[in-house]
Amino acid sequence: MNTRKLTLEISESVYEKLAHLAQLNEESLERTAIWSILSSLPSLTKKAEEFNQMMERVTPENLHGEIDFGEPVGREFR
């Protein structure tokens, strides 16, 4: 089996959540991180494929210009 090395930088809050989950499951932090990524892949792949299919249907004929919704009412414009 071929393997590749991957180094990730994650926020402190994500690290703490992974560490807590690892502790609860009595698993290593690395195994918990890999399990978390692997369990998310099918859903993320499906969403990406659906988005790409939707974008393939965009043509110059069905593409519209900017729509004016009026003046900003909140923090839309800075």
PDB file of N, CA and C in Angstrom:
ATOM      1  N   MET A   1       0.852  -1.176   0.000  1.00  0.00           N
ATOM      2  CA  MET A   1       0.000   0.000   0.000  1.00  0.00           C
ATOM      3  C   MET A   1       0.895   1.236   0.000  1.00  0.00           C
ATOM      4  N   ASN A   2       0.618   2.144  -0.916  1.00  0.00           N
ATOM      5  CA  ASN A   2       1.346   3.403  -0.954  1.00  0.00           C
ATOM      6  C   ASN A   2       0.763   4.365   0.067  1.00  0.00           C
ATOM      7  N   THR A   3       1.617   5.137   0.679  1.00  0.00           N
ATOM      8  CA  THR A   3       1.151   6.133   1.641  1.00  0.00           C
ATOM      9  C   THR A   3       1.756   7.477   1.294  1.00  0.00           C
ATOM     10  N   ARG A   4       1.102   8.508   1.742  1.00  0.00           N
ATOM     11  CA  ARG A   4       1.587   9.876   1.566  1.00  0.00           C
ATOM     12  C   ARG A   4       1.462  10.596   2.891  1.00  0.00           C
ATOM     13  N   LYS A   5       2.323  11.557   3.088  1.00  0.00           N
ATOM     14  CA  LYS A   5       2.308  12.330   4.327  1.00  0.00           C
ATOM     15  C   LYS A   5       1.550  13.631   4.090  1.00  0.00           C
ATOM     16  N   LEU A   6       0.736  14.010   5.051  1.00  0.00           N
ATOM     17  CA  LEU A   6      -0.041  15.239   4.980  1.00  0.00           C
ATOM     18  C   LEU A   6       0.086  15.962   6.308  1.00  0.00           C
ATOM     19  N   THR A   7       0.467  17.218   6.242  1.00  0.00           N
ATOM     20  CA  THR A   7       0.558  18.037   7.443  1.00  0.00           C
ATOM     21  C   THR A   7      -0.550  19.068   7.392  1.00  0.00           C
ATOM     22  N   LEU A   8      -1.314  19.178   8.469  1.00  0.00           N
ATOM     23  CA  LEU A   8      -2.427  20.116   8.526  1.00  0.00           C
ATOM     24  C   LEU A   8      -2.211  21.130   9.638  1.00  0.00           C
ATOM     25  N   GLU A   9      -2.609  22.347   9.371  1.00  0.00           N
ATOM     26  CA  GLU A   9      -2.676  23.358  10.421  1.00  0.00           C
ATOM     27  C   GLU A   9      -4.146  23.589  10.706  1.00  0.00           C
ATOM     28  N   ILE A  10      -4.530  23.439  11.968  1.00  0.00           N
ATOM     29  CA  ILE A  10      -5.929  23.621  12.354  1.00  0.00           C
ATOM     30  C   ILE A  10      -5.995  24.602  13.516  1.00  0.00           C
ATOM     31  N   SER A  11      -7.145  25.188  13.677  1.00  0.00           N
ATOM     32  CA  SER A  11      -7.314  26.144  14.765  1.00  0.00           C
ATOM     33  C   SER A  11      -7.233  25.431  16.115  1.00  0.00           C
ATOM     34  N   GLU A  12      -6.953  26.197  17.140  1.00  0.00           N
ATOM     35  CA  GLU A  12      -6.866  25.646  18.492  1.00  0.00           C
ATOM     36  C   GLU A  12      -8.190  25.019  18.908  1.00  0.00           C
ATOM     37  N   SER A  13      -9.306  25.653  18.522  1.00  0.00           N
ATOM     38  CA  SER A  13     -10.612  25.111  18.926  1.00  0.00           C
ATOM     39  C   SER A  13     -10.892  23.765  18.265  1.00  0.00           C
ATOM     40  N   VAL A  14     -10.515  23.598  17.000  1.00  0.00           N
ATOM     41  CA  VAL A  14     -10.703  22.308  16.329  1.00  0.00           C
ATOM     42  C   VAL A  14      -9.797  21.265  16.968  1.00  0.00           C
ATOM     43  N   TYR A  15      -8.560  21.645  17.269  1.00  0.00           N
ATOM     44  CA  TYR A  15      -7.627  20.738  17.929  1.00  0.00           C
ATOM     45  C   TYR A  15      -8.198  20.251  19.266  1.00  0.00           C
ATOM     46  N   GLU A  16      -8.726  21.185  20.039  1.00  0.00           N
ATOM     47  CA  GLU A  16      -9.281  20.820  21.345  1.00  0.00           C
ATOM     48  C   GLU A  16     -10.468  19.872  21.208  1.00  0.00           C
ATOM     49  N   LYS A  17     -11.320  20.107  20.210  1.00  0.00           N
ATOM     50  CA  LYS A  17     -12.467  19.220  19.986  1.00  0.00           C
ATOM     51  C   LYS A  17     -12.002  17.823  19.578  1.00  0.00           C
ATOM     52  N   LEU A  18     -11.004  17.755  18.686  1.00  0.00           N
ATOM     53  CA  LEU A  18     -10.471  16.455  18.289  1.00  0.00           C
ATOM     54  C   LEU A  18      -9.820  15.741  19.471  1.00  0.00           C
ATOM     55  N   ALA A  19      -9.069  16.488  20.271  1.00  0.00           N
ATOM     56  CA  ALA A  19      -8.401  15.897  21.435  1.00  0.00           C
ATOM     57  C   ALA A  19      -9.433  15.361  22.424  1.00  0.00           C
ATOM     58  N   HIS A  20     -10.505  16.104  22.615  1.00  0.00           N
ATOM     59  CA  HIS A  20     -11.565  15.661  23.531  1.00  0.00           C
ATOM     60  C   HIS A  20     -12.225  14.383  23.005  1.00  0.00           C
ATOM     61  N   LEU A  21     -12.533  14.375  21.711  1.00  0.00           N
ATOM     62  CA  LEU A  21     -13.151  13.190  21.112  1.00  0.00           C
ATOM     63  C   LEU A  21     -12.208  11.991  21.193  1.00  0.00           C
ATOM     64  N   ALA A  22     -10.931  12.223  20.942  1.00  0.00           N
ATOM     65  CA  ALA A  22      -9.946  11.140  21.035  1.00  0.00           C
ATOM     66  C   ALA A  22      -9.901  10.567  22.448  1.00  0.00           C
ATOM     67  N   GLN A  23      -9.939  11.451  23.416  1.00  0.00           N
ATOM     68  CA  GLN A  23      -9.911  11.007  24.809  1.00  0.00           C
ATOM     69  C   GLN A  23     -11.162  10.189  25.147  1.00  0.00           C
ATOM     70  N   LEU A  24     -12.322  10.663  24.707  1.00  0.00           N
ATOM     71  CA  LEU A  24     -13.572   9.933  24.964  1.00  0.00           C
ATOM     72  C   LEU A  24     -13.547   8.540  24.352  1.00  0.00           C
ATOM     73  N   ASN A  25     -12.968   8.435  23.149  1.00  0.00           N
ATOM     74  CA  ASN A  25     -12.930   7.150  22.443  1.00  0.00           C
ATOM     75  C   ASN A  25     -11.686   6.332  22.767  1.00  0.00           C
ATOM     76  N   GLU A  26     -10.852   6.873  23.620  1.00  0.00           N
ATOM     77  CA  GLU A  26      -9.598   6.211  23.988  1.00  0.00           C
ATOM     78  C   GLU A  26      -8.795   5.834  22.745  1.00  0.00           C
ATOM     79  N   GLU A  27      -8.705   6.792  21.821  1.00  0.00           N
ATOM     80  CA  GLU A  27      -7.949   6.633  20.576  1.00  0.00           C
ATOM     81  C   GLU A  27      -6.906   7.737  20.495  1.00  0.00           C
ATOM     82  N   SER A  28      -5.971   7.598  19.577  1.00  0.00           N
ATOM     83  CA  SER A  28      -4.979   8.649  19.381  1.00  0.00           C
ATOM     84  C   SER A  28      -5.624   9.836  18.670  1.00  0.00           C
ATOM     85  N   LEU A  29      -5.028  10.970  18.848  1.00  0.00           N
ATOM     86  CA  LEU A  29      -5.510  12.179  18.171  1.00  0.00           C
ATOM     87  C   LEU A  29      -5.430  12.008  16.659  1.00  0.00           C
ATOM     88  N   GLU A  30      -4.351  11.413  16.184  1.00  0.00           N
ATOM     89  CA  GLU A  30      -4.174  11.210  14.738  1.00  0.00           C
ATOM     90  C   GLU A  30      -5.254  10.301  14.170  1.00  0.00           C
ATOM     91  N   ARG A  31      -5.530   9.194  14.852  1.00  0.00           N
ATOM     92  CA  ARG A  31      -6.558   8.261  14.379  1.00  0.00           C
ATOM     93  C   ARG A  31      -7.930   8.933  14.377  1.00  0.00           C
ATOM     94  N   THR A  32      -8.205   9.725  15.395  1.00  0.00           N
ATOM     95  CA  THR A  32      -9.476  10.440  15.480  1.00  0.00           C
ATOM     96  C   THR A  32      -9.614  11.453  14.349  1.00  0.00           C
ATOM     97  N   ALA A  33      -8.542  12.170  14.044  1.00  0.00           N
ATOM     98  CA  ALA A  33      -8.572  13.150  12.950  1.00  0.00           C
ATOM     99  C   ALA A  33      -8.817  12.455  11.617  1.00  0.00           C
ATOM    100  N   ILE A  34      -8.118  11.355  11.383  1.00  0.00           N
ATOM    101  CA  ILE A  34      -8.295  10.617  10.126  1.00  0.00           C
ATOM    102  C   ILE A  34      -9.713  10.065  10.035  1.00  0.00           C
ATOM    103  N   TRP A  35     -10.223   9.505  11.121  1.00  0.00           N
ATOM    104  CA  TRP A  35     -11.594   8.987  11.124  1.00  0.00           C
ATOM    105  C   TRP A  35     -12.599  10.106  10.810  1.00  0.00           C
ATOM    106  N   SER A  36     -12.382  11.279  11.391  1.00  0.00           N
ATOM    107  CA  SER A  36     -13.279  12.411  11.162  1.00  0.00           C
ATOM    108  C   SER A  36     -13.275  12.821   9.694  1.00  0.00           C
ATOM    109  N   ILE A  37     -12.100  12.877   9.106  1.00  0.00           N
ATOM    110  CA  ILE A  37     -11.988  13.251   7.688  1.00  0.00           C
ATOM    111  C   ILE A  37     -12.659  12.194   6.815  1.00  0.00           C
ATOM    112  N   LEU A  38     -12.342  10.928   7.052  1.00  0.00           N
ATOM    113  CA  LEU A  38     -12.900   9.848   6.235  1.00  0.00           C
ATOM    114  C   LEU A  38     -14.417   9.772   6.326  1.00  0.00           C
ATOM    115  N   SER A  39     -14.964  10.022   7.484  1.00  0.00           N
ATOM    116  CA  SER A  39     -16.420   9.942   7.632  1.00  0.00           C
ATOM    117  C   SER A  39     -17.127  11.095   6.928  1.00  0.00           C
ATOM    118  N   SER A  40     -16.419  12.190   6.672  1.00  0.00           N
ATOM    119  CA  SER A  40     -17.009  13.343   5.991  1.00  0.00           C
ATOM    120  C   SER A  40     -16.865  13.283   4.475  1.00  0.00           C
ATOM    121  N   LEU A  41     -15.942  12.490   3.974  1.00  0.00           N
ATOM    122  CA  LEU A  41     -15.650  12.476   2.542  1.00  0.00           C
ATOM    123  C   LEU A  41     -16.849  12.161   1.648  1.00  0.00           C
ATOM    124  N   PRO A  42     -17.657  11.140   1.935  1.00  0.00           N
ATOM    125  CA  PRO A  42     -18.787  10.866   1.030  1.00  0.00           C
ATOM    126  C   PRO A  42     -19.743  12.046   0.887  1.00  0.00           C
ATOM    127  N   SER A  43     -20.076  12.685   1.983  1.00  0.00           N
ATOM    128  CA  SER A  43     -20.996  13.819   1.941  1.00  0.00           C
ATOM    129  C   SER A  43     -20.378  15.003   1.190  1.00  0.00           C
ATOM    130  N   LEU A  44     -19.120  15.294   1.470  1.00  0.00           N
ATOM    131  CA  LEU A  44     -18.448  16.408   0.800  1.00  0.00           C
ATOM    132  C   LEU A  44     -18.290  16.156  -0.690  1.00  0.00           C
ATOM    133  N   THR A  45     -17.998  14.914  -1.058  1.00  0.00           N
ATOM    134  CA  THR A  45     -17.862  14.553  -2.474  1.00  0.00           C
ATOM    135  C   THR A  45     -19.192  14.737  -3.194  1.00  0.00           C
ATOM    136  N   LYS A  46     -20.276  14.276  -2.583  1.00  0.00           N
ATOM    137  CA  LYS A  46     -21.601  14.410  -3.203  1.00  0.00           C
ATOM    138  C   LYS A  46     -21.968  15.877  -3.388  1.00  0.00           C
ATOM    139  N   LYS A  47     -21.713  16.702  -2.386  1.00  0.00           N
ATOM    140  CA  LYS A  47     -22.025  18.125  -2.488  1.00  0.00           C
ATOM    141  C   LYS A  47     -21.207  18.787  -3.590  1.00  0.00           C
ATOM    142  N   ALA A  48     -19.939  18.437  -3.704  1.00  0.00           N
ATOM    143  CA  ALA A  48     -19.082  19.012  -4.748  1.00  0.00           C
ATOM    144  C   ALA A  48     -19.558  18.589  -6.133  1.00  0.00           C
ATOM    145  N   GLU A  49     -19.934  17.316  -6.285  1.00  0.00           N
ATOM    146  CA  GLU A  49     -20.433  16.834  -7.572  1.00  0.00           C
ATOM    147  C   GLU A  49     -21.739  17.516  -7.948  1.00  0.00           C
ATOM    148  N   GLU A  50     -22.653  17.683  -6.986  1.00  0.00           N
ATOM    149  CA  GLU A  50     -23.921  18.369  -7.255  1.00  0.00           C
ATOM    150  C   GLU A  50     -23.683  19.823  -7.647  1.00  0.00           C
ATOM    151  N   PHE A  51     -22.755  20.491  -6.975  1.00  0.00           N
ATOM    152  CA  PHE A  51     -22.437  21.876  -7.309  1.00  0.00           C
ATOM    153  C   PHE A  51     -21.872  21.963  -8.724  1.00  0.00           C
ATOM    154  N   ASN A  52     -20.960  21.067  -9.070  1.00  0.00           N
ATOM    155  CA  ASN A  52     -20.375  21.092 -10.409  1.00  0.00           C
ATOM    156  C   ASN A  52     -21.425  20.830 -11.480  1.00  0.00           C
ATOM    157  N   GLN A  53     -22.353  19.904 -11.223  1.00  0.00           N
ATOM    158  CA  GLN A  53     -23.429  19.647 -12.174  1.00  0.00           C
ATOM    159  C   GLN A  53     -24.309  20.877 -12.347  1.00  0.00           C
ATOM    160  N   MET A  54     -24.599  21.569 -11.261  1.00  0.00           N
ATOM    161  CA  MET A  54     -25.410  22.776 -11.325  1.00  0.00           C
ATOM    162  C   MET A  54     -24.676  23.864 -12.127  1.00  0.00           C
ATOM    163  N   MET A  55     -23.384  24.018 -11.886  1.00  0.00           N
ATOM    164  CA  MET A  55     -22.615  25.044 -12.590  1.00  0.00           C
ATOM    165  C   MET A  55     -22.488  24.741 -14.083  1.00  0.00           C
ATOM    166  N   GLU A  56     -22.497  23.459 -14.457  1.00  0.00           N
ATOM    167  CA  GLU A  56     -22.444  23.081 -15.871  1.00  0.00           C
ATOM    168  C   GLU A  56     -23.693  23.534 -16.629  1.00  0.00           C
ATOM    169  N   ARG A  57     -24.792  23.742 -15.905  1.00  0.00           N
ATOM    170  CA  ARG A  57     -26.033  24.180 -16.549  1.00  0.00           C
ATOM    171  C   ARG A  57     -26.095  25.692 -16.751  1.00  0.00           C
ATOM    172  N   VAL A  58     -25.122  26.427 -16.224  1.00  0.00           N
ATOM    173  CA  VAL A  58     -25.089  27.877 -16.412  1.00  0.00           C
ATOM    174  C   VAL A  58     -24.567  28.167 -17.811  1.00  0.00           C
ATOM    175  N   THR A  59     -25.349  28.933 -18.554  1.00  0.00           N
ATOM    176  CA  THR A  59     -24.967  29.321 -19.915  1.00  0.00           C
ATOM    177  C   THR A  59     -25.103  30.835 -20.055  1.00  0.00           C
ATOM    178  N   PRO A  60     -24.525  31.404 -21.094  1.00  0.00           N
ATOM    179  CA  PRO A  60     -24.715  32.845 -21.309  1.00  0.00           C
ATOM    180  C   PRO A  60     -26.196  33.223 -21.438  1.00  0.00           C
ATOM    181  N   GLU A  61     -27.019  32.294 -21.934  1.00  0.00           N
ATOM    182  CA  GLU A  61     -28.445  32.575 -22.120  1.00  0.00           C
ATOM    183  C   GLU A  61     -29.207  32.638 -20.790  1.00  0.00           C
ATOM    184  N   ASN A  62     -28.791  31.861 -19.779  1.00  0.00           N
ATOM    185  CA  ASN A  62     -29.541  31.885 -18.523  1.00  0.00           C
ATOM    186  C   ASN A  62     -28.791  32.619 -17.404  1.00  0.00           C
ATOM    187  N   LEU A  63     -27.727  33.284 -17.750  1.00  0.00           N
ATOM    188  CA  LEU A  63     -26.961  34.067 -16.779  1.00  0.00           C
ATOM    189  C   LEU A  63     -27.509  35.492 -16.755  1.00  0.00           C
ATOM    190  N   HIS A  64     -27.873  35.983 -15.591  1.00  0.00           N
ATOM    191  CA  HIS A  64     -28.432  37.322 -15.492  1.00  0.00           C
ATOM    192  C   HIS A  64     -27.412  38.276 -14.880  1.00  0.00           C
ATOM    193  N   GLY A  65     -27.675  39.537 -15.013  1.00  0.00           N
ATOM    194  CA  GLY A  65     -26.795  40.554 -14.452  1.00  0.00           C
ATOM    195  C   GLY A  65     -27.079  40.794 -12.980  1.00  0.00           C
ATOM    196  N   GLU A  66     -26.487  41.855 -12.485  1.00  0.00           N
ATOM    197  CA  GLU A  66     -26.637  42.220 -11.081  1.00  0.00           C
ATOM    198  C   GLU A  66     -28.082  42.593 -10.773  1.00  0.00           C
ATOM    199  N   ILE A  67     -28.552  42.240  -9.587  1.00  0.00           N
ATOM    200  CA  ILE A  67     -29.907  42.563  -9.153  1.00  0.00           C
ATOM    201  C   ILE A  67     -29.808  43.558  -8.011  1.00  0.00           C
ATOM    202  N   ASP A  68     -30.555  44.662  -8.109  1.00  0.00           N
ATOM    203  CA  ASP A  68     -30.525  45.704  -7.087  1.00  0.00           C
ATOM    204  C   ASP A  68     -31.575  45.402  -6.031  1.00  0.00           C
ATOM    205  N   PHE A  69     -31.129  45.216  -4.801  1.00  0.00           N
ATOM    206  CA  PHE A  69     -32.034  44.959  -3.690  1.00  0.00           C
ATOM    207  C   PHE A  69     -32.224  46.201  -2.825  1.00  0.00           C
ATOM    208  N   GLY A  70     -31.784  47.358  -3.304  1.00  0.00           N
ATOM    209  CA  GLY A  70     -31.945  48.590  -2.549  1.00  0.00           C
ATOM    210  C   GLY A  70     -30.725  48.901  -1.706  1.00  0.00           C
ATOM    211  N   GLU A  71     -30.912  49.872  -0.839  1.00  0.00           N
ATOM    212  CA  GLU A  71     -29.828  50.324   0.028  1.00  0.00           C
ATOM    213  C   GLU A  71     -29.479  49.270   1.073  1.00  0.00           C
ATOM    214  N   PRO A  72     -28.214  49.242   1.505  1.00  0.00           N
ATOM    215  CA  PRO A  72     -27.835  48.321   2.579  1.00  0.00           C
ATOM    216  C   PRO A  72     -28.615  48.635   3.856  1.00  0.00           C
ATOM    217  N   VAL A  73     -29.061  47.583   4.547  1.00  0.00           N
ATOM    218  CA  VAL A  73     -29.827  47.773   5.766  1.00  0.00           C
ATOM    219  C   VAL A  73     -29.105  47.239   6.994  1.00  0.00           C
ATOM    220  N   GLY A  74     -28.002  46.610   6.768  1.00  0.00           N
ATOM    221  CA  GLY A  74     -27.255  46.028   7.887  1.00  0.00           C
ATOM    222  C   GLY A  74     -25.773  46.230   7.675  1.00  0.00           C
ATOM    223  N   ARG A  75     -25.055  45.145   7.716  1.00  0.00           N
ATOM    224  CA  ARG A  75     -23.619  45.209   7.572  1.00  0.00           C
ATOM    225  C   ARG A  75     -23.151  44.658   6.222  1.00  0.00           C
ATOM    226  N   GLU A  76     -24.018  44.781   5.190  1.00  0.00           N
ATOM    227  CA  GLU A  76     -23.677  44.269   3.866  1.00  0.00           C
ATOM    228  C   GLU A  76     -22.526  45.022   3.228  1.00  0.00           C
ATOM    229  N   PHE A  77     -22.422  46.296   3.536  1.00  0.00           N
ATOM    230  CA  PHE A  77     -21.424  47.156   2.882  1.00  0.00           C
ATOM    231  C   PHE A  77     -20.554  47.789   3.956  1.00  0.00           C
ATOM    232  N   ARG A  78     -19.265  47.723   3.766  1.00  0.00           N
ATOM    233  CA  ARG A  78     -18.329  48.339   4.707  1.00  0.00           C
ATOM    234  C   ARG A  78     -17.368  49.209   3.967  1.00  0.00           C
TER     235      ARG A  78
END
